[in-house]
Amino acid sequence: MSLSRPFRLLLIIALLFGALFALLHALTWRPAAHEPAPLACNGKVAQLQPGQALKVMTWNVQYLAGKRHVFWYDLPGGDGPDERPSSDDLAATLDEVVRVLRDEQPDLVLLQELHDGAKASDYQDQLALLQERLADLYPCSSQAFYWKAAFVPHPRILGSVGMKLGTLSRFQIARAERLQLPEIPSDPLSRQFQLKRALLVSHLPIRGGGELVAINTHFDAFAQGDDTMRRQVQMTDALLQQLQAGASAWILGGDLNLLPPGQFQHLPENQRGWYAADSELQDLAGRYPMIPSLQQASGAQQAQWYTHYPNDPAASGPDRTLDYLFYSPRLTPFASQVRQHDTLGISDHLPVIGRFFLPSEE
């Protein structure tokens, strides 16, 4: 019995589609909505103590790329000249990040844009590189990918990608979890390769009972024109309300890609398309204390609270605030700053630092 020619053609097409689907499945990553996050604590690690002082830093380190390039995605038209940093840039920037962390010695470090297995950064595991250099300070860490694929067919990438959140801690982390944030709407094929933003939630026990919940995140960029930012804010807010209701102390830090009120009007017109004039940040700022406060980030001294220095050659220095620490009312703040004076050549974001007292046993 022989198959008809049309039937043979349909069978070949079906087999090709099946092979394409299998290849796509093998190349891409589909995280669960809620899953455990990798966690490591080396040796006997101290627990947080009631009432102690705690120093927290959040910093988007721009995958150790430094500030000598204008990457293809850095310009509003997506036509920047550079596709990757050099190996020398990666090594020099690693040294600089280590220098700043050793100088500040925060107890808890929330890092964004760490590469792991990406072609553009020599397939480095950048969290591991930092841990090797800082093992005496940070025995505990947690991590969560938010971009991972064996091959991305974008003409400016054409290789593997891997980007994650990393939390370093001086104190014990008992468990960690990854919560998937809402994604930018896209067609089924593009969705397989796009970033999958997340909340990395780490639970640090406090001696005698209770815990500090540390949340590390990096909200979407390039999401204007849809409700992605609003949905990411709403999901984050729901988690914070849940923690509030359970009387947990918590801190959230990261690159939220959201402007404080008033800064939109200060931006060059060609930069405004990345943000909403009526910023979704206010939905969080109206409920929870934050660093910088809205008054600091929108007032006469707002320049000292700028956290983003665009790679766009038109920018001569930091010109907007995108990175924040939000914290539980159960924490008592006593100092805060954006470290600007010696970090302008390290990343397109600057580290935000807050100091707090934990709740006492009473």
Protein backbone atom coordinates (compact mmCIF):
# COMPACT_ATOMS: atom_id res chain seq x y z
CA MET A 1 0.00 0.00 0.00
CA SER A 2 1.49 3.36 -1.01
CA LEU A 3 0.61 6.77 0.44
CA SER A 4 -0.77 9.41 -1.86
CA ARG A 5 1.51 12.33 -2.63
CA PRO A 6 -0.67 14.95 -0.80
CA PHE A 7 -0.78 12.71 2.26
CA ARG A 8 3.01 12.26 2.20
CA LEU A 9 3.43 16.05 1.99
CA LEU A 10 1.12 16.62 4.96
CA LEU A 11 3.02 13.98 6.94
CA ILE A 12 6.35 15.66 6.20
CA ILE A 13 4.96 19.06 7.26
CA ALA A 14 3.60 17.56 10.49
CA LEU A 15 6.96 15.95 11.24
CA LEU A 16 8.77 19.24 10.60
CA PHE A 17 6.43 21.11 12.92
CA GLY A 18 6.90 18.42 15.55
CA ALA A 19 10.68 18.70 15.28
CA LEU A 20 10.49 22.49 15.49
CA PHE A 21 8.31 22.30 18.61
CA ALA A 22 10.72 19.82 20.23
CA LEU A 23 13.68 22.08 19.44
CA LEU A 24 11.88 25.15 20.83
CA HIS A 25 11.01 23.22 23.99
CA ALA A 26 14.65 22.19 24.45
CA LEU A 27 16.05 25.70 23.92
CA THR A 28 13.71 27.63 26.22
CA TRP A 29 12.69 27.75 29.86
CA ARG A 30 9.27 27.57 31.50
CA PRO A 31 9.41 28.31 35.23
CA ALA A 32 6.51 27.50 37.54
CA ALA A 33 4.43 30.26 39.07
CA HIS A 34 5.86 29.40 42.51
CA GLU A 35 8.90 27.23 43.08
CA PRO A 36 11.79 26.81 45.53
CA ALA A 37 14.83 28.98 44.76
CA PRO A 38 18.41 27.66 44.98
CA LEU A 39 19.87 28.43 48.40
CA ALA A 40 23.33 27.89 49.90
CA CYS A 41 24.71 28.55 53.38
CA ASN A 42 28.30 27.51 54.09
CA GLY A 43 29.33 26.53 57.60
CA LYS A 44 27.65 27.56 60.82
CA VAL A 45 25.89 30.84 60.07
CA ALA A 46 24.64 33.31 62.68
CA GLN A 47 20.97 34.20 62.90
CA LEU A 48 19.61 37.70 63.03
CA GLN A 49 19.11 39.05 66.56
CA PRO A 50 16.05 40.97 67.83
CA GLY A 51 16.64 44.73 67.83
CA GLN A 52 19.95 44.58 65.94
CA ALA A 53 21.04 47.09 63.31
CA LEU A 54 20.82 45.86 59.72
CA LYS A 55 22.44 47.41 56.66
CA VAL A 56 20.83 46.59 53.30
CA MET A 57 21.98 47.41 49.76
CA THR A 58 20.17 46.97 46.46
CA TRP A 59 22.17 47.28 43.24
CA ASN A 60 21.61 46.49 39.58
CA VAL A 61 25.17 45.66 38.51
CA GLN A 62 24.40 45.51 34.74
CA TYR A 63 26.03 42.06 34.35
CA LEU A 64 29.46 43.58 35.15
CA ALA A 65 29.52 45.32 31.77
CA GLY A 66 30.83 48.66 33.04
CA LYS A 67 30.14 52.06 31.48
CA ARG A 68 32.33 52.09 28.36
CA HIS A 69 29.65 50.87 25.94
CA VAL A 70 26.33 51.88 24.43
CA PHE A 71 24.49 48.59 24.02
CA TRP A 72 21.97 48.01 21.25
CA TYR A 73 19.01 48.21 23.68
CA ASP A 74 20.29 51.38 25.42
CA LEU A 75 18.93 53.80 22.81
CA PRO A 76 15.22 54.44 22.26
CA GLY A 77 15.48 53.12 18.71
CA GLY A 78 17.19 49.87 19.77
CA ASP A 79 20.14 50.78 17.55
CA GLY A 80 23.04 51.18 19.98
CA PRO A 81 26.39 50.13 18.46
CA ASP A 82 27.55 47.57 21.04
CA GLU A 83 26.42 44.01 21.66
CA ARG A 84 28.60 42.92 24.59
CA PRO A 85 31.34 44.07 26.97
CA SER A 86 34.91 42.92 26.55
CA SER A 87 36.47 40.29 28.82
CA ASP A 88 38.63 43.06 30.30
CA ASP A 89 35.51 45.09 31.10
CA LEU A 90 33.97 42.12 32.92
CA ALA A 91 37.11 41.55 35.01
CA ALA A 92 37.58 45.23 35.90
CA THR A 93 33.92 45.68 36.85
CA LEU A 94 33.97 42.58 39.03
CA ASP A 95 36.90 44.14 40.92
CA GLU A 96 34.96 47.36 41.35
CA VAL A 97 31.78 45.69 42.62
CA VAL A 98 33.85 43.71 45.12
CA ARG A 99 35.61 46.93 46.20
CA VAL A 100 32.33 48.70 46.92
CA LEU A 101 30.81 45.73 48.76
CA ARG A 102 33.91 45.33 50.92
CA ASP A 103 33.90 49.03 51.70
CA GLU A 104 30.21 49.20 52.61
CA GLN A 105 29.92 45.68 54.06
CA PRO A 106 26.11 45.60 54.03
CA ASP A 107 24.54 42.71 55.92
CA LEU A 108 22.15 41.95 53.08
CA VAL A 109 22.84 42.58 49.38
CA LEU A 110 20.11 42.42 46.73
CA LEU A 111 21.69 42.24 43.26
CA GLN A 112 19.99 42.37 39.88
CA GLU A 113 21.24 41.61 36.34
CA LEU A 114 23.72 38.92 37.24
CA HIS A 115 24.58 36.81 34.21
CA ASP A 116 24.90 33.04 34.30
CA GLY A 117 25.67 31.11 31.12
CA ALA A 118 25.17 34.03 28.73
CA LYS A 119 27.19 34.27 25.53
CA ALA A 120 27.48 38.07 25.95
CA SER A 121 29.47 37.71 29.19
CA ASP A 122 31.73 34.75 28.43
CA TYR A 123 29.24 32.28 29.97
CA GLN A 124 30.23 33.46 33.47
CA ASP A 125 28.30 32.59 36.62
CA GLN A 126 28.66 36.07 38.06
CA LEU A 127 27.04 35.31 41.42
CA ALA A 128 29.58 32.52 41.92
CA LEU A 129 32.42 34.89 40.99
CA LEU A 130 31.25 37.36 43.62
CA GLN A 131 30.83 34.64 46.22
CA GLU A 132 34.40 33.45 45.65
CA ARG A 133 35.70 36.96 46.35
CA LEU A 134 33.35 37.67 49.27
CA ALA A 135 33.06 34.30 51.01
CA ASP A 136 34.26 35.72 54.33
CA LEU A 137 31.46 38.31 54.34
CA TYR A 138 28.52 36.39 52.86
CA PRO A 139 28.18 32.72 53.80
CA CYS A 140 24.57 32.57 52.56
CA SER A 141 23.02 33.26 49.18
CA SER A 142 19.85 32.67 47.19
CA GLN A 143 19.20 33.14 43.49
CA ALA A 144 16.50 33.07 40.85
CA PHE A 145 16.75 33.27 37.07
CA TYR A 146 14.53 35.67 35.16
CA TRP A 147 15.94 35.07 31.67
CA LYS A 148 17.27 31.79 30.39
CA ALA A 149 17.49 30.18 26.97
CA ALA A 150 20.08 28.04 25.19
CA PHE A 151 19.73 30.15 22.04
CA VAL A 152 17.88 33.39 21.28
CA PRO A 153 17.47 34.04 17.54
CA HIS A 154 17.57 37.84 17.89
CA PRO A 155 20.15 39.22 15.41
CA ARG A 156 21.95 41.15 18.18
CA ILE A 157 22.11 38.09 20.49
CA LEU A 158 22.37 34.84 18.48
CA GLY A 159 23.39 32.76 21.45
CA SER A 160 22.56 31.76 24.99
CA VAL A 161 21.16 34.09 27.64
CA GLY A 162 21.03 33.77 31.42
CA MET A 163 20.18 36.50 33.91
CA LYS A 164 19.25 36.21 37.56
CA LEU A 165 18.60 37.89 40.86
CA GLY A 166 21.12 37.17 43.61
CA THR A 167 20.82 37.79 47.35
CA LEU A 168 23.92 37.68 49.56
CA SER A 169 23.53 37.50 53.33
CA ARG A 170 25.76 37.65 56.38
CA PHE A 171 23.01 35.85 58.28
CA GLN A 172 21.22 32.56 57.90
CA ILE A 173 18.67 32.15 55.11
CA ALA A 174 16.35 29.31 56.08
CA ARG A 175 14.48 29.01 52.78
CA ALA A 176 13.97 30.86 49.52
CA GLU A 177 11.36 30.84 46.78
CA ARG A 178 10.85 32.24 43.30
CA LEU A 179 7.52 33.86 42.44
CA GLN A 180 6.78 34.49 38.77
CA LEU A 181 5.68 38.07 37.98
CA PRO A 182 3.14 38.82 35.23
CA GLU A 183 4.73 38.85 31.78
CA ILE A 184 4.53 41.28 28.87
CA PRO A 185 1.82 40.07 26.45
CA SER A 186 3.32 38.67 23.25
CA ASP A 187 2.76 36.04 20.58
CA PRO A 188 3.32 32.38 21.60
CA LEU A 189 6.69 32.11 19.83
CA SER A 190 8.22 35.34 21.19
CA ARG A 191 6.98 34.51 24.69
CA GLN A 192 9.29 31.49 24.83
CA PHE A 193 12.40 33.69 24.55
CA GLN A 194 11.43 36.79 26.54
CA LEU A 195 12.42 37.70 30.09
CA LYS A 196 10.34 36.16 32.86
CA ARG A 197 10.61 38.64 35.72
CA ALA A 198 10.32 37.35 39.26
CA LEU A 199 10.36 38.00 42.99
CA LEU A 200 13.17 36.23 44.86
CA VAL A 201 11.86 35.80 48.42
CA SER A 202 14.38 34.83 51.12
CA HIS A 203 13.38 34.01 54.69
CA LEU A 204 15.91 34.92 57.41
CA PRO A 205 15.03 33.60 60.89
CA ILE A 206 15.34 35.92 63.89
CA ARG A 207 16.59 34.34 67.12
CA GLY A 208 13.76 33.67 69.53
CA GLY A 209 11.09 33.55 66.83
CA GLY A 210 9.91 35.48 63.82
CA GLU A 211 11.72 36.21 60.59
CA LEU A 212 12.82 38.89 58.20
CA VAL A 213 11.55 38.35 54.65
CA ALA A 214 13.92 39.84 52.04
CA ILE A 215 12.44 40.33 48.56
CA ASN A 216 14.70 41.00 45.57
CA THR A 217 13.23 41.99 42.19
CA HIS A 218 13.71 43.67 38.83
CA PHE A 219 10.47 44.83 37.20
CA ASP A 220 10.01 44.99 33.45
CA ALA A 221 11.39 47.65 31.18
CA PHE A 222 10.00 48.47 27.74
CA ALA A 223 6.47 47.61 28.94
CA GLN A 224 4.66 50.85 28.22
CA GLY A 225 1.51 50.57 26.13
CA ASP A 226 0.07 47.70 28.19
CA ASP A 227 -0.71 47.02 31.85
CA THR A 228 2.33 44.86 32.65
CA MET A 229 3.85 47.29 35.17
CA ARG A 230 0.51 47.73 36.92
CA ARG A 231 0.07 43.96 37.19
CA GLN A 232 3.61 43.48 38.53
CA VAL A 233 3.01 46.18 41.13
CA GLN A 234 -0.33 44.62 42.10
CA MET A 235 1.20 41.17 42.61
CA THR A 236 4.03 42.62 44.68
CA ASP A 237 1.58 44.65 46.73
CA ALA A 238 -0.50 41.53 47.40
CA LEU A 239 2.58 39.75 48.78
CA LEU A 240 3.49 42.71 50.99
CA GLN A 241 -0.07 42.93 52.33
CA GLN A 242 0.07 39.23 53.14
CA LEU A 243 3.33 39.74 55.05
CA GLN A 244 1.85 42.73 56.86
CA ALA A 245 -1.17 40.71 57.91
CA GLY A 246 1.11 37.98 59.26
CA ALA A 247 3.14 40.53 61.27
CA SER A 248 6.37 39.59 59.46
CA ALA A 249 9.17 42.10 59.17
CA TRP A 250 10.16 42.49 55.53
CA ILE A 251 12.25 44.51 53.11
CA LEU A 252 11.92 44.74 49.34
CA GLY A 253 14.63 46.08 47.09
CA GLY A 254 15.37 46.25 43.41
CA ASP A 255 15.28 48.01 40.09
CA LEU A 256 11.58 48.77 39.64
CA ASN A 257 11.93 50.76 36.40
CA LEU A 258 9.36 53.19 37.83
CA LEU A 259 9.83 56.95 38.20
CA PRO A 260 8.77 58.95 41.24
CA PRO A 261 6.22 61.74 40.62
CA GLY A 262 7.71 64.76 38.90
CA GLN A 263 10.75 63.14 37.31
CA PHE A 264 8.93 62.22 34.08
CA GLN A 265 8.75 65.90 33.12
CA HIS A 266 12.52 66.32 33.68
CA LEU A 267 13.46 63.62 31.18
CA PRO A 268 14.33 64.33 27.54
CA GLU A 269 11.29 63.66 25.38
CA ASN A 270 12.92 60.72 23.59
CA GLN A 271 13.41 59.00 26.98
CA ARG A 272 9.84 59.38 28.23
CA GLY A 273 8.38 56.54 26.17
CA TRP A 274 9.82 53.98 28.59
CA TYR A 275 7.72 55.29 31.50
CA ALA A 276 4.19 56.29 32.40
CA ALA A 277 3.56 59.96 33.17
CA ASP A 278 1.33 58.77 36.03
CA SER A 279 3.80 56.35 37.59
CA GLU A 280 2.63 53.02 38.99
CA LEU A 281 5.16 53.58 41.80
CA GLN A 282 2.56 55.58 43.68
CA ASP A 283 0.51 52.41 44.26
CA LEU A 284 3.33 51.11 46.47
CA ALA A 285 4.54 54.45 47.84
CA GLY A 286 1.07 55.18 49.19
CA ARG A 287 1.13 52.05 51.35
CA TYR A 288 4.72 51.46 52.47
CA PRO A 289 7.72 53.51 53.61
CA MET A 290 10.52 53.64 51.05
CA ILE A 291 14.09 54.78 50.34
CA PRO A 292 14.30 57.27 48.81
CA SER A 293 11.02 58.73 49.99
CA LEU A 294 8.79 60.47 47.45
CA GLN A 295 9.76 63.80 49.01
CA GLN A 296 13.48 63.04 48.58
CA ALA A 297 13.14 61.73 45.02
CA SER A 298 10.84 64.54 43.88
CA GLY A 299 12.17 67.52 45.84
CA ALA A 300 14.83 70.14 45.35
CA GLN A 301 17.62 67.70 46.33
CA GLN A 302 16.38 64.89 44.09
CA ALA A 303 19.70 64.67 42.19
CA GLN A 304 21.39 63.06 45.20
CA TRP A 305 18.75 60.31 45.00
CA TYR A 306 19.16 59.55 41.28
CA THR A 307 20.00 55.87 40.81
CA HIS A 308 20.19 55.51 37.01
CA TYR A 309 22.95 56.79 34.73
CA PRO A 310 21.88 55.83 31.19
CA ASN A 311 24.43 54.50 28.73
CA ASP A 312 22.93 56.88 26.17
CA PRO A 313 25.74 59.32 25.17
CA ALA A 314 23.25 62.18 25.60
CA ALA A 315 23.28 61.56 29.37
CA SER A 316 26.11 63.33 31.19
CA GLY A 317 25.35 61.76 34.57
CA PRO A 318 22.62 60.18 36.68
CA ASP A 319 19.26 61.70 35.76
CA ARG A 320 16.45 59.58 37.26
CA THR A 321 15.47 57.33 40.16
CA LEU A 322 14.50 53.74 39.36
CA ASP A 323 15.86 51.71 42.31
CA TYR A 324 14.28 51.57 45.77
CA LEU A 325 14.11 49.91 49.14
CA PHE A 326 10.61 49.45 50.56
CA TYR A 327 10.39 48.26 54.15
CA SER A 328 8.00 47.05 56.81
CA PRO A 329 6.74 49.58 59.39
CA ARG A 330 8.13 47.12 61.94
CA LEU A 331 11.65 48.17 60.90
CA THR A 332 13.06 51.43 62.25
CA PRO A 333 15.16 53.31 59.65
CA PHE A 334 18.07 55.47 60.80
CA ALA A 335 20.22 56.18 57.71
CA SER A 336 20.03 55.99 53.92
CA GLN A 337 21.90 57.08 50.80
CA VAL A 338 22.57 56.46 47.13
CA ARG A 339 26.30 55.83 46.77
CA GLN A 340 27.15 58.06 43.83
CA HIS A 341 30.60 59.49 44.43
CA ASP A 342 32.67 56.52 43.23
CA THR A 343 30.22 54.22 41.43
CA LEU A 344 29.44 56.13 38.22
CA GLY A 345 31.78 53.98 36.11
CA ILE A 346 30.64 50.60 37.44
CA SER A 347 27.06 50.18 36.22
CA ASP A 348 24.22 52.15 34.69
CA HIS A 349 22.58 51.88 38.14
CA LEU A 350 23.87 53.07 41.49
CA PRO A 351 23.61 51.25 44.83
CA VAL A 352 20.85 52.26 47.26
CA ILE A 353 21.66 51.70 50.94
CA GLY A 354 19.39 51.69 53.96
CA ARG A 355 20.10 51.06 57.63
CA PHE A 356 17.45 49.80 60.03
CA PHE A 357 16.84 48.40 63.48
CA LEU A 358 15.00 45.09 63.58
CA PRO A 359 12.03 44.75 65.94
CA SER A 360 13.03 44.03 69.51
CA GLU A 361 11.79 40.98 71.41
CA GLU A 362 9.22 43.16 73.15
